[in-house]
Amino acid sequence: MKKKAFTKAEKTSWIDGKREETKANMETMIDQLLNSDNISGFLEKKLFKFPDTVPCTKWSMLNQFRMFMLQSMDCRGFKQWQEVGRHVKAGSKSAKILVPIFKEFPKTDDNGKPVNGPDGKPVKNRYIAYFKEIPVFKAEDTDGDPLDYQEDLDNVRNMDPSVLPLADIAESLNIPVKYDLSSSEYGSYSYNLNLIDGAEEKEIRLCTDTEQTFYHELSHAIDHILIGDSFTNSDKALKEITAEFTACYLASIYGTQANMVYTRHYVRSWSGKKPPVDSLLKCLNRAVNIVMFIAERKQTAEQGQSISV
């Protein structure tokens, strides 16, 4: 039996439908990303580093966040679970991850002529046409051989999150924290490099006693250490959203619940009413790195080792 041949119009209509579906999925993801409970919960999960043999470690931040929303941090395809000696339980329903489907078109110059590369072949531009849903199953819906990371994961789950540092992290980074309640802003992190002697001048200034503000400015300081200086407006927006995502997590684990209303307003003020999901995911990835920096620094201090910036 021959497969049905679709007309060009039918193919175009199908792709347009997939694009609309993708757009709706992205808007849902934005709303989920701007929920402080989701931000803090995801960052806490990311404190555990899975082995490179776990497929999801190579997934995009988008799909890793989708896994978290499915209440799992390890999803794999049916055959992938079989390869590690596990089987999907009867009656389990698959979850879906989004895989980008790319389309290509010839690159042209200002006169509309095709551009060739050094090898003489036409240069093509790629773009994401839509996202395809791929079925995967959660680890929680499988049985079989023990996972090679299970013991380490159990140890992390039994950790007391209050062991993460606060003011002592700023102190270890040689960043003084000062209060200035006369200012109209909430707080700031400043950094200056003396070009003559190479001395660094760093300071966190707090203009409120709200702990979330301190977490926000501390995140700025660590983000600066990890990625260096940025000067464009778009980079500044990413910095601010990253710091607020991290502050949500730190506020939640210290028992001072994050101010979700403020967080949503703050993020939207820097990214617009409908922020692009890829930018939010970049910020979430940077927030993960900041949290890992804090956790690793604490572990080093507990082991009695010297720490350096």
Protein backbone atom coordinates (compact mmCIF):
# COMPACT_ATOMS: atom_id res chain seq x y z
CA MET A 1 0.00 0.00 0.00
CA LYS A 2 1.45 3.31 -1.09
CA LYS A 3 1.88 6.16 1.34
CA LYS A 4 -0.38 9.12 0.74
CA ALA A 5 1.30 11.85 -1.29
CA PHE A 6 0.71 15.28 0.23
CA THR A 7 0.41 18.36 -1.92
CA LYS A 8 2.63 21.38 -1.39
CA ALA A 9 -0.32 23.29 0.08
CA GLU A 10 -1.02 20.46 2.54
CA LYS A 11 2.62 20.36 3.63
CA THR A 12 2.66 24.14 4.11
CA SER A 13 -0.56 23.98 6.13
CA TRP A 14 0.86 21.21 8.32
CA ILE A 15 4.07 23.16 9.01
CA ASP A 16 2.08 26.32 9.79
CA GLY A 17 0.01 24.31 12.27
CA LYS A 18 3.18 23.00 13.92
CA ARG A 19 4.53 26.54 14.20
CA GLU A 20 1.36 27.70 15.95
CA GLU A 21 1.58 24.70 18.26
CA THR A 22 5.21 25.54 19.00
CA LYS A 23 4.28 29.16 19.73
CA ALA A 24 1.60 28.04 22.20
CA ASN A 25 4.09 25.68 23.88
CA MET A 26 6.63 28.48 24.20
CA GLU A 27 4.10 30.85 25.78
CA THR A 28 3.19 28.15 28.32
CA MET A 29 6.87 27.63 29.05
CA ILE A 30 7.36 31.35 29.68
CA ASP A 31 4.58 31.36 32.26
CA GLN A 32 6.13 28.32 33.94
CA LEU A 33 9.60 29.86 33.92
CA LEU A 34 8.33 33.02 35.58
CA ASN A 35 6.95 31.08 38.54
CA SER A 36 9.44 31.40 41.39
CA ASP A 37 8.51 27.98 42.79
CA ASN A 38 9.51 26.39 39.50
CA ILE A 39 12.74 28.39 39.32
CA SER A 40 13.87 27.48 42.83
CA GLY A 41 12.79 23.85 42.47
CA PHE A 42 14.64 23.40 39.18
CA LEU A 43 17.83 24.97 40.49
CA GLU A 44 17.73 22.72 43.55
CA LYS A 45 17.45 19.66 41.29
CA LYS A 46 20.38 20.89 39.22
CA LEU A 47 22.65 20.82 42.27
CA PHE A 48 23.07 17.15 41.42
CA LYS A 49 25.34 16.51 38.45
CA PHE A 50 24.29 13.45 36.48
CA PRO A 51 26.99 11.33 34.81
CA ASP A 52 27.66 12.09 31.15
CA THR A 53 26.18 8.68 30.28
CA VAL A 54 22.70 10.00 31.15
CA PRO A 55 21.15 11.17 27.83
CA CYS A 56 19.37 14.23 29.27
CA THR A 57 22.70 15.84 30.21
CA LYS A 58 23.08 16.58 26.50
CA TRP A 59 19.55 17.95 26.12
CA SER A 60 18.75 21.61 25.78
CA MET A 61 17.87 23.60 28.90
CA LEU A 62 14.32 23.78 27.50
CA ASN A 63 13.88 20.00 27.56
CA GLN A 64 15.56 19.69 30.95
CA PHE A 65 13.06 22.19 32.32
CA ARG A 66 10.21 20.30 30.66
CA MET A 67 11.42 17.18 32.50
CA PHE A 68 11.31 19.05 35.78
CA MET A 69 7.74 20.13 35.08
CA LEU A 70 6.96 16.43 34.58
CA GLN A 71 8.41 15.84 38.08
CA SER A 72 11.46 13.96 36.84
CA MET A 73 15.10 14.68 36.13
CA ASP A 74 15.87 11.62 33.99
CA CYS A 75 13.77 10.74 30.96
CA ARG A 76 14.79 8.42 28.14
CA GLY A 77 13.37 6.65 25.13
CA PHE A 78 11.99 3.11 25.38
CA LYS A 79 15.11 1.52 23.86
CA GLN A 80 17.46 3.72 25.89
CA TRP A 81 15.98 2.31 29.11
CA GLN A 82 16.40 -1.23 27.77
CA GLU A 83 20.08 -0.53 27.10
CA VAL A 84 20.69 0.09 30.83
CA GLY A 85 18.71 -2.96 31.96
CA ARG A 86 15.44 -1.25 32.81
CA HIS A 87 11.95 -1.63 31.37
CA VAL A 88 9.00 0.69 31.24
CA LYS A 89 6.19 -0.32 33.60
CA ALA A 90 2.98 -1.50 31.98
CA GLY A 91 0.45 1.26 31.54
CA SER A 92 3.00 4.08 31.79
CA LYS A 93 2.36 7.05 29.56
CA SER A 94 5.15 8.70 27.64
CA ALA A 95 6.13 12.31 28.16
CA LYS A 96 7.22 14.56 25.32
CA ILE A 97 10.39 16.55 24.67
CA LEU A 98 10.76 19.08 21.88
CA VAL A 99 13.33 18.47 19.15
CA PRO A 100 13.93 21.31 16.67
CA ILE A 101 13.33 20.56 13.01
CA PHE A 102 15.57 22.68 10.79
CA LYS A 103 14.95 23.93 7.27
CA GLU A 104 17.53 25.32 4.87
CA PHE A 105 17.47 27.95 2.16
CA PRO A 106 20.25 29.30 -0.09
CA LYS A 107 22.15 32.31 1.18
CA THR A 108 22.12 35.21 -1.27
CA ASP A 109 24.02 38.47 -1.63
CA ASP A 110 22.52 41.97 -1.88
CA ASN A 111 21.74 41.33 -5.56
CA GLY A 112 19.86 38.13 -4.84
CA LYS A 113 22.58 35.88 -6.25
CA PRO A 114 23.51 32.63 -4.45
CA VAL A 115 26.62 32.81 -2.26
CA ASN A 116 29.17 30.03 -2.61
CA GLY A 117 31.58 28.87 0.08
CA PRO A 118 35.35 28.23 -0.27
CA ASP A 119 34.58 24.77 -1.63
CA GLY A 120 32.46 26.25 -4.40
CA LYS A 121 29.24 24.83 -3.00
CA PRO A 122 26.23 27.05 -2.25
CA VAL A 123 26.08 28.37 1.31
CA LYS A 124 22.81 27.64 3.09
CA ASN A 125 21.14 29.29 6.06
CA ARG A 126 19.36 27.14 8.60
CA TYR A 127 16.35 28.06 10.69
CA ILE A 128 14.05 26.23 13.06
CA ALA A 129 10.81 25.53 11.20
CA TYR A 130 9.02 23.94 14.15
CA PHE A 131 9.54 21.58 17.08
CA LYS A 132 8.76 17.88 16.89
CA GLU A 133 7.55 16.03 19.97
CA ILE A 134 9.57 12.91 20.82
CA PRO A 135 8.17 10.39 23.36
CA VAL A 136 10.28 9.57 26.42
CA PHE A 137 9.56 7.83 29.73
CA LYS A 138 10.41 9.03 33.23
CA ALA A 139 12.84 7.08 35.41
CA GLU A 140 10.06 6.89 37.99
CA ASP A 141 8.02 4.82 35.50
CA THR A 142 10.70 2.14 35.02
CA ASP A 143 11.90 -0.97 36.86
CA GLY A 144 15.04 -3.06 36.58
CA ASP A 145 18.73 -2.65 37.27
CA PRO A 146 19.70 0.12 39.72
CA LEU A 147 20.72 3.42 38.18
CA ASP A 148 24.46 4.01 38.40
CA TYR A 149 23.94 7.40 40.07
CA GLN A 150 21.19 6.37 42.53
CA GLU A 151 23.37 6.26 45.65
CA ASP A 152 24.86 9.69 44.97
CA LEU A 153 21.39 11.09 44.25
CA ASP A 154 20.05 9.74 47.55
CA ASN A 155 22.91 11.48 49.38
CA VAL A 156 22.03 14.80 47.77
CA ARG A 157 18.35 14.40 48.61
CA ASN A 158 19.30 13.93 52.27
CA MET A 159 21.39 17.10 52.37
CA ASP A 160 20.24 20.05 54.44
CA PRO A 161 19.91 22.96 52.00
CA SER A 162 20.64 25.42 54.79
CA VAL A 163 24.33 24.49 54.50
CA LEU A 164 24.60 26.77 51.50
CA PRO A 165 26.49 29.96 52.36
CA LEU A 166 25.27 33.53 52.37
CA ALA A 167 27.31 36.37 53.79
CA ASP A 168 30.37 34.16 54.21
CA ILE A 169 30.44 33.62 50.43
CA ALA A 170 30.68 37.37 49.84
CA GLU A 171 33.41 37.53 52.47
CA SER A 172 35.36 34.70 50.83
CA LEU A 173 35.20 36.61 47.55
CA ASN A 174 36.54 39.75 49.27
CA ILE A 175 33.32 41.62 48.55
CA PRO A 176 32.28 43.98 51.37
CA VAL A 177 28.55 44.30 51.99
CA LYS A 178 27.35 47.74 53.05
CA TYR A 179 23.94 49.22 53.84
CA ASP A 180 22.82 52.57 52.46
CA LEU A 181 19.15 53.06 53.29
CA SER A 182 19.19 56.61 51.96
CA SER A 183 19.13 55.48 48.32
CA SER A 184 15.93 54.97 46.31
CA GLU A 185 17.12 51.73 44.69
CA TYR A 186 16.99 48.30 46.32
CA GLY A 187 20.66 47.45 45.98
CA SER A 188 23.65 47.24 43.66
CA TYR A 189 26.85 45.39 42.92
CA SER A 190 29.81 47.47 41.76
CA TYR A 191 33.13 46.41 40.31
CA ASN A 192 36.10 48.55 39.30
CA LEU A 193 39.55 47.55 38.15
CA ASN A 194 42.43 49.90 38.90
CA LEU A 195 44.37 49.97 35.64
CA ILE A 196 47.54 51.16 37.38
CA ASP A 197 48.05 48.45 40.00
CA GLY A 198 45.46 45.90 38.83
CA ALA A 199 43.60 46.05 42.16
CA GLU A 200 39.94 45.06 42.13
CA GLU A 201 37.36 47.15 43.94
CA LYS A 202 34.14 45.27 44.62
CA GLU A 203 31.14 46.10 46.78
CA ILE A 204 27.57 45.02 47.41
CA ARG A 205 25.41 47.93 48.53
CA LEU A 206 22.02 47.18 50.07
CA CYS A 207 19.32 49.82 50.36
CA THR A 208 16.73 47.52 51.94
CA ASP A 209 16.74 44.80 54.56
CA THR A 210 14.99 42.36 52.19
CA GLU A 211 17.15 39.23 52.02
CA GLN A 212 16.14 38.53 48.42
CA THR A 213 17.90 41.73 47.41
CA PHE A 214 21.15 40.52 48.97
CA TYR A 215 20.84 37.20 47.10
CA HIS A 216 20.23 39.13 43.89
CA GLU A 217 23.36 41.27 44.27
CA LEU A 218 25.49 38.31 45.39
CA SER A 219 24.36 36.52 42.23
CA HIS A 220 25.53 39.50 40.17
CA ALA A 221 28.95 39.26 41.80
CA ILE A 222 29.33 35.54 41.08
CA ASP A 223 27.94 35.89 37.55
CA HIS A 224 30.59 38.54 36.94
CA ILE A 225 33.30 36.13 38.11
CA LEU A 226 32.01 33.37 35.84
CA ILE A 227 31.39 35.30 32.61
CA GLY A 228 33.22 38.62 32.94
CA ASP A 229 32.02 42.04 31.82
CA SER A 230 29.14 42.74 29.46
CA PHE A 231 28.30 46.13 28.07
CA THR A 232 25.29 45.87 25.76
CA ASN A 233 21.72 46.44 26.86
CA SER A 234 20.74 42.87 25.94
CA ASP A 235 23.58 41.52 28.10
CA LYS A 236 22.43 43.70 30.97
CA ALA A 237 18.93 42.28 30.69
CA LEU A 238 20.32 38.74 30.82
CA LYS A 239 22.37 39.68 33.89
CA GLU A 240 19.38 41.09 35.73
CA ILE A 241 17.07 38.16 34.95
CA THR A 242 19.81 35.67 35.88
CA ALA A 243 20.33 37.37 39.23
CA GLU A 244 16.61 37.38 40.00
CA PHE A 245 16.20 33.70 39.06
CA THR A 246 19.06 32.83 41.43
CA ALA A 247 17.66 35.05 44.17
CA CYS A 248 14.36 33.15 43.96
CA TYR A 249 16.16 29.90 44.67
CA LEU A 250 18.28 31.25 47.51
CA ALA A 251 15.25 32.90 49.10
CA SER A 252 13.25 29.69 48.96
CA ILE A 253 15.84 27.46 50.64
CA TYR A 254 16.43 29.87 53.51
CA GLY A 255 12.81 29.84 54.57
CA THR A 256 12.17 33.41 53.43
CA GLN A 257 9.77 32.64 50.60
CA ALA A 258 10.62 34.35 47.34
CA ASN A 259 8.42 37.29 46.37
CA MET A 260 6.91 35.81 43.21
CA VAL A 261 4.92 38.91 42.29
CA TYR A 262 8.05 41.05 42.42
CA THR A 263 10.06 38.45 40.46
CA ARG A 264 7.55 38.23 37.63
CA HIS A 265 7.30 42.02 37.42
CA TYR A 266 11.09 42.39 37.52
CA VAL A 267 11.73 39.84 34.78
CA ARG A 268 9.05 41.28 32.51
CA SER A 269 10.44 44.79 33.05
CA TRP A 270 13.74 43.62 31.59
CA SER A 271 12.41 41.40 28.82
CA GLY A 272 8.99 42.72 27.79
CA LYS A 273 5.50 41.37 28.39
CA LYS A 274 6.26 38.24 26.37
CA PRO A 275 9.97 37.51 26.88
CA PRO A 276 11.58 35.08 24.42
CA VAL A 277 11.84 31.66 26.02
CA ASP A 278 15.36 31.05 24.69
CA SER A 279 16.61 34.12 26.59
CA LEU A 280 14.94 32.95 29.80
CA LEU A 281 16.55 29.53 29.39
CA LYS A 282 19.98 31.14 28.93
CA CYS A 283 19.41 32.97 32.20
CA LEU A 284 18.29 29.77 33.90
CA ASN A 285 21.46 28.04 32.71
CA ARG A 286 23.59 30.87 34.11
CA ALA A 287 21.66 30.66 37.38
CA VAL A 288 22.48 26.93 37.55
CA ASN A 289 26.19 27.79 37.22
CA ILE A 290 25.94 30.35 40.03
CA VAL A 291 24.24 27.87 42.35
CA MET A 292 26.88 25.23 41.55
CA PHE A 293 29.62 27.79 42.25
CA ILE A 294 28.15 28.42 45.71
CA ALA A 295 27.71 24.72 46.48
CA GLU A 296 31.23 23.80 45.38
CA ARG A 297 32.70 26.69 47.33
CA LYS A 298 30.90 25.56 50.46
CA GLN A 299 32.10 22.00 50.01
CA THR A 300 35.69 23.16 49.61
CA ALA A 301 35.45 25.25 52.79
CA GLU A 302 33.99 22.30 54.73
CA GLN A 303 36.92 20.15 53.69
CA GLY A 304 39.29 22.71 55.19
CA GLN A 305 40.86 23.58 51.85
CA SER A 306 41.85 27.08 50.86
CA ILE A 307 39.56 28.78 48.38
CA SER A 308 40.39 31.41 45.81
CA VAL A 309 38.46 33.47 43.31
